[in-house]
PDB file of N, CA and C in Angstrom:
ATOM      1  N   MET A   1     -21.103  18.167   1.855  1.00  0.00           N
ATOM      2  CA  MET A   1     -19.664  18.234   1.691  1.00  0.00           C
ATOM      3  C   MET A   1     -19.357  18.771   0.297  1.00  0.00           C
ATOM      4  N   ASP A   2     -18.451  19.683   0.232  1.00  0.00           N
ATOM      5  CA  ASP A   2     -18.044  20.307  -1.024  1.00  0.00           C
ATOM      6  C   ASP A   2     -17.176  19.337  -1.840  1.00  0.00           C
ATOM      7  N   MET A   3     -17.330  19.365  -3.142  1.00  0.00           N
ATOM      8  CA  MET A   3     -16.556  18.467  -4.010  1.00  0.00           C
ATOM      9  C   MET A   3     -15.057  18.767  -3.949  1.00  0.00           C
ATOM     10  N   GLN A   4     -14.706  20.023  -3.741  1.00  0.00           N
ATOM     11  CA  GLN A   4     -13.288  20.371  -3.638  1.00  0.00           C
ATOM     12  C   GLN A   4     -12.654  19.749  -2.389  1.00  0.00           C
ATOM     13  N   ILE A   5     -13.402  19.736  -1.297  1.00  0.00           N
ATOM     14  CA  ILE A   5     -12.906  19.113  -0.073  1.00  0.00           C
ATOM     15  C   ILE A   5     -12.746  17.610  -0.270  1.00  0.00           C
ATOM     16  N   LEU A   6     -13.717  16.990  -0.922  1.00  0.00           N
ATOM     17  CA  LEU A   6     -13.647  15.559  -1.183  1.00  0.00           C
ATOM     18  C   LEU A   6     -12.484  15.216  -2.114  1.00  0.00           C
ATOM     19  N   THR A   7     -12.271  16.045  -3.122  1.00  0.00           N
ATOM     20  CA  THR A   7     -11.145  15.831  -4.032  1.00  0.00           C
ATOM     21  C   THR A   7      -9.817  15.972  -3.291  1.00  0.00           C
ATOM     22  N   THR A   8      -9.710  16.970  -2.441  1.00  0.00           N
ATOM     23  CA  THR A   8      -8.491  17.157  -1.651  1.00  0.00           C
ATOM     24  C   THR A   8      -8.265  15.986  -0.704  1.00  0.00           C
ATOM     25  N   PHE A   9      -9.338  15.491  -0.094  1.00  0.00           N
ATOM     26  CA  PHE A   9      -9.232  14.337   0.792  1.00  0.00           C
ATOM     27  C   PHE A   9      -8.669  13.125   0.049  1.00  0.00           C
ATOM     28  N   PHE A  10      -9.230  12.819  -1.127  1.00  0.00           N
ATOM     29  CA  PHE A  10      -8.745  11.668  -1.891  1.00  0.00           C
ATOM     30  C   PHE A  10      -7.337  11.899  -2.438  1.00  0.00           C
ATOM     31  N   MET A  11      -6.992  13.136  -2.717  1.00  0.00           N
ATOM     32  CA  MET A  11      -5.634  13.419  -3.158  1.00  0.00           C
ATOM     33  C   MET A  11      -4.634  13.060  -2.050  1.00  0.00           C
ATOM     34  N   TRP A  12      -4.917  13.496  -0.816  1.00  0.00           N
ATOM     35  CA  TRP A  12      -4.005  13.204   0.290  1.00  0.00           C
ATOM     36  C   TRP A  12      -4.017  11.724   0.648  1.00  0.00           C
ATOM     37  N   CYS A  13      -5.161  11.065   0.543  1.00  0.00           N
ATOM     38  CA  CYS A  13      -5.209   9.616   0.759  1.00  0.00           C
ATOM     39  C   CYS A  13      -4.343   8.898  -0.264  1.00  0.00           C
ATOM     40  N   THR A  14      -4.400   9.338  -1.517  1.00  0.00           N
ATOM     41  CA  THR A  14      -3.593   8.732  -2.572  1.00  0.00           C
ATOM     42  C   THR A  14      -2.113   8.951  -2.316  1.00  0.00           C
ATOM     43  N   ILE A  15      -1.736  10.141  -1.931  1.00  0.00           N
ATOM     44  CA  ILE A  15      -0.323  10.443  -1.678  1.00  0.00           C
ATOM     45  C   ILE A  15       0.204   9.622  -0.488  1.00  0.00           C
ATOM     46  N   ILE A  16      -0.542   9.611   0.604  1.00  0.00           N
ATOM     47  CA  ILE A  16      -0.089   8.911   1.803  1.00  0.00           C
ATOM     48  C   ILE A  16      -0.029   7.401   1.573  1.00  0.00           C
ATOM     49  N   ASN A  17      -1.093   6.825   1.033  1.00  0.00           N
ATOM     50  CA  ASN A  17      -1.118   5.377   0.824  1.00  0.00           C
ATOM     51  C   ASN A  17      -0.173   4.946  -0.292  1.00  0.00           C
ATOM     52  N   GLY A  18      -0.008   5.766  -1.321  1.00  0.00           N
ATOM     53  CA  GLY A  18       0.968   5.459  -2.364  1.00  0.00           C
ATOM     54  C   GLY A  18       2.390   5.477  -1.826  1.00  0.00           C
ATOM     55  N   SER A  19       2.676   6.434  -0.973  1.00  0.00           N
ATOM     56  CA  SER A  19       4.002   6.497  -0.346  1.00  0.00           C
ATOM     57  C   SER A  19       4.242   5.296   0.555  1.00  0.00           C
ATOM     58  N   LEU A  20       3.229   4.922   1.317  1.00  0.00           N
ATOM     59  CA  LEU A  20       3.340   3.751   2.179  1.00  0.00           C
ATOM     60  C   LEU A  20       3.596   2.493   1.357  1.00  0.00           C
ATOM     61  N   PHE A  21       2.894   2.346   0.242  1.00  0.00           N
ATOM     62  CA  PHE A  21       3.098   1.194  -0.633  1.00  0.00           C
ATOM     63  C   PHE A  21       4.513   1.171  -1.207  1.00  0.00           C
ATOM     64  N   ILE A  22       5.012   2.307  -1.647  1.00  0.00           N
ATOM     65  CA  ILE A  22       6.364   2.381  -2.217  1.00  0.00           C
ATOM     66  C   ILE A  22       7.417   2.034  -1.166  1.00  0.00           C
ATOM     67  N   VAL A  23       7.269   2.558   0.047  1.00  0.00           N
ATOM     68  CA  VAL A  23       8.225   2.257   1.113  1.00  0.00           C
ATOM     69  C   VAL A  23       8.179   0.772   1.461  1.00  0.00           C
ATOM     70  N   TRP A  24       6.984   0.225   1.612  1.00  0.00           N
ATOM     71  CA  TRP A  24       6.822  -1.175   1.965  1.00  0.00           C
ATOM     72  C   TRP A  24       7.421  -2.083   0.892  1.00  0.00           C
ATOM     73  N   ALA A  25       7.085  -1.813  -0.373  1.00  0.00           N
ATOM     74  CA  ALA A  25       7.618  -2.626  -1.470  1.00  0.00           C
ATOM     75  C   ALA A  25       9.131  -2.475  -1.578  1.00  0.00           C
ATOM     76  N   SER A  26       9.651  -1.286  -1.346  1.00  0.00           N
ATOM     77  CA  SER A  26      11.100  -1.067  -1.404  1.00  0.00           C
ATOM     78  C   SER A  26      11.822  -1.895  -0.354  1.00  0.00           C
ATOM     79  N   PHE A  27      11.287  -1.924   0.869  1.00  0.00           N
ATOM     80  CA  PHE A  27      11.904  -2.740   1.908  1.00  0.00           C
ATOM     81  C   PHE A  27      11.849  -4.219   1.564  1.00  0.00           C
ATOM     82  N   ILE A  28      10.720  -4.668   1.049  1.00  0.00           N
ATOM     83  CA  ILE A  28      10.561  -6.087   0.728  1.00  0.00           C
ATOM     84  C   ILE A  28      11.522  -6.501  -0.382  1.00  0.00           C
ATOM     85  N   PHE A  29      11.705  -5.658  -1.387  1.00  0.00           N
ATOM     86  CA  PHE A  29      12.549  -6.020  -2.525  1.00  0.00           C
ATOM     87  C   PHE A  29      14.029  -5.717  -2.290  1.00  0.00           C
ATOM     88  N   ALA A  30      14.343  -4.693  -1.516  1.00  0.00           N
ATOM     89  CA  ALA A  30      15.742  -4.312  -1.317  1.00  0.00           C
ATOM     90  C   ALA A  30      16.393  -5.072  -0.159  1.00  0.00           C
ATOM     91  N   LYS A  31      15.667  -5.287   0.897  1.00  0.00           N
ATOM     92  CA  LYS A  31      16.215  -5.917   2.108  1.00  0.00           C
ATOM     93  C   LYS A  31      15.319  -7.067   2.581  1.00  0.00           C
ATOM     94  N   PRO A  32      15.091  -8.086   1.768  1.00  0.00           N
ATOM     95  CA  PRO A  32      14.164  -9.148   2.188  1.00  0.00           C
ATOM     96  C   PRO A  32      14.652  -9.934   3.406  1.00  0.00           C
ATOM     97  N   ASP A  33      15.963 -10.145   3.522  1.00  0.00           N
ATOM     98  CA  ASP A  33      16.487 -10.887   4.682  1.00  0.00           C
ATOM     99  C   ASP A  33      16.308 -10.104   5.974  1.00  0.00           C
ATOM    100  N   TRP A  34      16.512  -8.797   5.917  1.00  0.00           N
ATOM    101  CA  TRP A  34      16.348  -7.955   7.094  1.00  0.00           C
ATOM    102  C   TRP A  34      14.882  -7.930   7.535  1.00  0.00           C
ATOM    103  N   VAL A  35      13.960  -7.805   6.576  1.00  0.00           N
ATOM    104  CA  VAL A  35      12.534  -7.788   6.908  1.00  0.00           C
ATOM    105  C   VAL A  35      12.122  -9.127   7.504  1.00  0.00           C
ATOM    106  N   TYR A  36      12.586 -10.211   6.899  1.00  0.00           N
ATOM    107  CA  TYR A  36      12.254 -11.542   7.419  1.00  0.00           C
ATOM    108  C   TYR A  36      12.799 -11.724   8.833  1.00  0.00           C
ATOM    109  N   ALA A  37      14.032 -11.323   9.058  1.00  0.00           N
ATOM    110  CA  ALA A  37      14.632 -11.468  10.385  1.00  0.00           C
ATOM    111  C   ALA A  37      13.903 -10.615  11.422  1.00  0.00           C
ATOM    112  N   SER A  38      13.507  -9.415  11.043  1.00  0.00           N
ATOM    113  CA  SER A  38      12.828  -8.546  12.008  1.00  0.00           C
ATOM    114  C   SER A  38      11.421  -9.051  12.339  1.00  0.00           C
ATOM    115  N   GLN A  39      10.758  -9.684  11.391  1.00  0.00           N
ATOM    116  CA  GLN A  39       9.402 -10.169  11.638  1.00  0.00           C
ATOM    117  C   GLN A  39       9.365 -11.506  12.350  1.00  0.00           C
ATOM    118  N   THR A  40      10.379 -12.332  12.148  1.00  0.00           N
ATOM    119  CA  THR A  40      10.371 -13.644  12.799  1.00  0.00           C
ATOM    120  C   THR A  40      10.797 -13.570  14.264  1.00  0.00           C
ATOM    121  N   ARG A  41      11.106 -12.408  14.749  1.00  0.00           N
ATOM    122  CA  ARG A  41      11.354 -12.258  16.186  1.00  0.00           C
ATOM    123  C   ARG A  41      10.070 -12.505  16.981  1.00  0.00           C
ATOM    124  N   TRP A  42       8.927 -12.118  16.399  1.00  0.00           N
ATOM    125  CA  TRP A  42       7.648 -12.229  17.088  1.00  0.00           C
ATOM    126  C   TRP A  42       6.859 -13.464  16.663  1.00  0.00           C
ATOM    127  N   VAL A  43       6.971 -13.835  15.396  1.00  0.00           N
ATOM    128  CA  VAL A  43       6.180 -14.945  14.861  1.00  0.00           C
ATOM    129  C   VAL A  43       7.114 -15.911  14.153  1.00  0.00           C
ATOM    130  N   THR A  44       7.005 -17.179  14.490  1.00  0.00           N
ATOM    131  CA  THR A  44       7.800 -18.187  13.819  1.00  0.00           C
ATOM    132  C   THR A  44       7.083 -18.610  12.541  1.00  0.00           C
ATOM    133  N   ILE A  45       7.741 -18.400  11.401  1.00  0.00           N
ATOM    134  CA  ILE A  45       7.151 -18.705  10.104  1.00  0.00           C
ATOM    135  C   ILE A  45       8.279 -19.081   9.152  1.00  0.00           C
ATOM    136  N   SER A  46       7.986 -19.995   8.256  1.00  0.00           N
ATOM    137  CA  SER A  46       9.017 -20.391   7.291  1.00  0.00           C
ATOM    138  C   SER A  46       9.233 -19.278   6.268  1.00  0.00           C
ATOM    139  N   ARG A  47      10.379 -19.300   5.624  1.00  0.00           N
ATOM    140  CA  ARG A  47      10.715 -18.260   4.648  1.00  0.00           C
ATOM    141  C   ARG A  47       9.751 -18.291   3.458  1.00  0.00           C
ATOM    142  N   GLU A  48       9.376 -19.478   3.008  1.00  0.00           N
ATOM    143  CA  GLU A  48       8.459 -19.600   1.874  1.00  0.00           C
ATOM    144  C   GLU A  48       7.083 -19.031   2.225  1.00  0.00           C
ATOM    145  N   SER A  49       6.600 -19.342   3.408  1.00  0.00           N
ATOM    146  CA  SER A  49       5.311 -18.809   3.851  1.00  0.00           C
ATOM    147  C   SER A  49       5.373 -17.295   4.014  1.00  0.00           C
ATOM    148  N   PHE A  50       6.485 -16.814   4.537  1.00  0.00           N
ATOM    149  CA  PHE A  50       6.661 -15.367   4.698  1.00  0.00           C
ATOM    150  C   PHE A  50       6.602 -14.661   3.350  1.00  0.00           C
ATOM    151  N   ASN A  51       7.287 -15.227   2.346  1.00  0.00           N
ATOM    152  CA  ASN A  51       7.263 -14.616   1.012  1.00  0.00           C
ATOM    153  C   ASN A  51       5.858 -14.595   0.434  1.00  0.00           C
ATOM    154  N   VAL A  52       5.120 -15.683   0.598  1.00  0.00           N
ATOM    155  CA  VAL A  52       3.747 -15.739   0.086  1.00  0.00           C
ATOM    156  C   VAL A  52       2.882 -14.694   0.787  1.00  0.00           C
ATOM    157  N   VAL A  53       3.023 -14.586   2.091  1.00  0.00           N
ATOM    158  CA  VAL A  53       2.222 -13.625   2.849  1.00  0.00           C
ATOM    159  C   VAL A  53       2.561 -12.191   2.434  1.00  0.00           C
ATOM    160  N   MET A  54       3.831 -11.871   2.337  1.00  0.00           N
ATOM    161  CA  MET A  54       4.226 -10.509   1.983  1.00  0.00           C
ATOM    162  C   MET A  54       3.768 -10.127   0.575  1.00  0.00           C
ATOM    163  N   TYR A  55       3.971 -11.002  -0.392  1.00  0.00           N
ATOM    164  CA  TYR A  55       3.555 -10.688  -1.756  1.00  0.00           C
ATOM    165  C   TYR A  55       2.040 -10.645  -1.876  1.00  0.00           C
ATOM    166  N   SER A  56       1.341 -11.475  -1.108  1.00  0.00           N
ATOM    167  CA  SER A  56      -0.123 -11.430  -1.119  1.00  0.00           C
ATOM    168  C   SER A  56      -0.625 -10.116  -0.541  1.00  0.00           C
ATOM    169  N   PHE A  57      -0.042  -9.705   0.588  1.00  0.00           N
ATOM    170  CA  PHE A  57      -0.455  -8.430   1.180  1.00  0.00           C
ATOM    171  C   PHE A  57      -0.101  -7.245   0.292  1.00  0.00           C
ATOM    172  N   LEU A  58       1.045  -7.295  -0.370  1.00  0.00           N
ATOM    173  CA  LEU A  58       1.388  -6.221  -1.306  1.00  0.00           C
ATOM    174  C   LEU A  58       0.382  -6.147  -2.448  1.00  0.00           C
ATOM    175  N   GLY A  59       0.011  -7.297  -2.983  1.00  0.00           N
ATOM    176  CA  GLY A  59      -0.973  -7.321  -4.058  1.00  0.00           C
ATOM    177  C   GLY A  59      -2.330  -6.825  -3.606  1.00  0.00           C
ATOM    178  N   LEU A  60      -2.774  -7.264  -2.432  1.00  0.00           N
ATOM    179  CA  LEU A  60      -4.055  -6.812  -1.895  1.00  0.00           C
ATOM    180  C   LEU A  60      -4.038  -5.311  -1.622  1.00  0.00           C
ATOM    181  N   PHE A  61      -2.955  -4.824  -1.034  1.00  0.00           N
ATOM    182  CA  PHE A  61      -2.831  -3.399  -0.745  1.00  0.00           C
ATOM    183  C   PHE A  61      -2.863  -2.585  -2.039  1.00  0.00           C
ATOM    184  N   LYS A  62      -2.189  -3.086  -3.081  1.00  0.00           N
ATOM    185  CA  LYS A  62      -2.159  -2.365  -4.350  1.00  0.00           C
ATOM    186  C   LYS A  62      -3.553  -2.281  -4.963  1.00  0.00           C
ATOM    187  N   VAL A  63      -4.286  -3.390  -4.956  1.00  0.00           N
ATOM    188  CA  VAL A  63      -5.638  -3.389  -5.526  1.00  0.00           C
ATOM    189  C   VAL A  63      -6.550  -2.456  -4.735  1.00  0.00           C
ATOM    190  N   LEU A  64      -6.499  -2.543  -3.415  1.00  0.00           N
ATOM    191  CA  LEU A  64      -7.330  -1.663  -2.588  1.00  0.00           C
ATOM    192  C   LEU A  64      -6.930  -0.199  -2.737  1.00  0.00           C
ATOM    193  N   PHE A  65      -5.635   0.050  -2.851  1.00  0.00           N
ATOM    194  CA  PHE A  65      -5.157   1.420  -3.068  1.00  0.00           C
ATOM    195  C   PHE A  65      -5.710   1.979  -4.372  1.00  0.00           C
ATOM    196  N   LEU A  66      -5.641   1.191  -5.427  1.00  0.00           N
ATOM    197  CA  LEU A  66      -6.146   1.660  -6.716  1.00  0.00           C
ATOM    198  C   LEU A  66      -7.651   1.889  -6.680  1.00  0.00           C
ATOM    199  N   MET A  67      -8.391   0.946  -6.108  1.00  0.00           N
ATOM    200  CA  MET A  67      -9.850   1.040  -6.107  1.00  0.00           C
ATOM    201  C   MET A  67     -10.389   2.097  -5.151  1.00  0.00           C
ATOM    202  N   LEU A  68      -9.786   2.223  -3.984  1.00  0.00           N
ATOM    203  CA  LEU A  68     -10.362   3.077  -2.948  1.00  0.00           C
ATOM    204  C   LEU A  68      -9.715   4.450  -2.823  1.00  0.00           C
ATOM    205  N   ASN A  69      -8.572   4.662  -3.476  1.00  0.00           N
ATOM    206  CA  ASN A  69      -7.893   5.950  -3.368  1.00  0.00           C
ATOM    207  C   ASN A  69      -7.694   6.612  -4.722  1.00  0.00           C
ATOM    208  N   LEU A  70      -6.986   5.937  -5.603  1.00  0.00           N
ATOM    209  CA  LEU A  70      -6.592   6.554  -6.857  1.00  0.00           C
ATOM    210  C   LEU A  70      -7.769   6.754  -7.820  1.00  0.00           C
ATOM    211  N   VAL A  71      -8.590   5.738  -8.003  1.00  0.00           N
ATOM    212  CA  VAL A  71      -9.720   5.859  -8.932  1.00  0.00           C
ATOM    213  C   VAL A  71     -10.701   6.946  -8.501  1.00  0.00           C
ATOM    214  N   PRO A  72     -11.137   6.998  -7.228  1.00  0.00           N
ATOM    215  CA  PRO A  72     -12.035   8.098  -6.842  1.00  0.00           C
ATOM    216  C   PRO A  72     -11.396   9.479  -7.037  1.00  0.00           C
ATOM    217  N   TYR A  73     -10.105   9.584  -6.738  1.00  0.00           N
ATOM    218  CA  TYR A  73      -9.431  10.866  -6.926  1.00  0.00           C
ATOM    219  C   TYR A  73      -9.411  11.269  -8.401  1.00  0.00           C
ATOM    220  N   LEU A  74      -9.054  10.338  -9.283  1.00  0.00           N
ATOM    221  CA  LEU A  74      -9.016  10.658 -10.711  1.00  0.00           C
ATOM    222  C   LEU A  74     -10.391  10.990 -11.260  1.00  0.00           C
ATOM    223  N   VAL A  75     -11.408  10.292 -10.809  1.00  0.00           N
ATOM    224  CA  VAL A  75     -12.780  10.587 -11.259  1.00  0.00           C
ATOM    225  C   VAL A  75     -13.209  11.973 -10.798  1.00  0.00           C
ATOM    226  N   LEU A  76     -12.925  12.298  -9.547  1.00  0.00           N
ATOM    227  CA  LEU A  76     -13.304  13.624  -9.043  1.00  0.00           C
ATOM    228  C   LEU A  76     -12.521  14.719  -9.761  1.00  0.00           C
ATOM    229  N   GLU A  77     -11.251  14.479 -10.046  1.00  0.00           N
ATOM    230  CA  GLU A  77     -10.464  15.456 -10.788  1.00  0.00           C
ATOM    231  C   GLU A  77     -11.008  15.640 -12.197  1.00  0.00           C
ATOM    232  N   TRP A  78     -11.410  14.537 -12.793  1.00  0.00           N
ATOM    233  CA  TRP A  78     -11.904  14.601 -14.169  1.00  0.00           C
ATOM    234  C   TRP A  78     -13.275  15.267 -14.248  1.00  0.00           C
ATOM    235  N   LEU A  79     -14.134  15.030 -13.257  1.00  0.00           N
ATOM    236  CA  LEU A  79     -15.493  15.580 -13.274  1.00  0.00           C
ATOM    237  C   LEU A  79     -15.551  17.020 -12.809  1.00  0.00           C
ATOM    238  N   TYR A  80     -14.698  17.387 -11.851  1.00  0.00           N
ATOM    239  CA  TYR A  80     -14.825  18.735 -11.273  1.00  0.00           C
ATOM    240  C   TYR A  80     -13.541  19.471 -11.422  1.00  0.00           C
TER     241      TYR A  80
END
């Protein structure tokens, strides 16, 4: 596999996953009542538990995004 192809792959992974993170975080922070109401249609959960779950998943997604998308892309850009 060519390094340019790998760099392009990680660039698009970073763009797509970064955009997904921004949209997800924007919904959680801008419309928390709407998100809670839409999710509790399928699963019954308390508001406090919902907040813990959402913030935990946002934190986990951010760490995984940084480690698995952004860092490899920056390293490949810096090396090649």
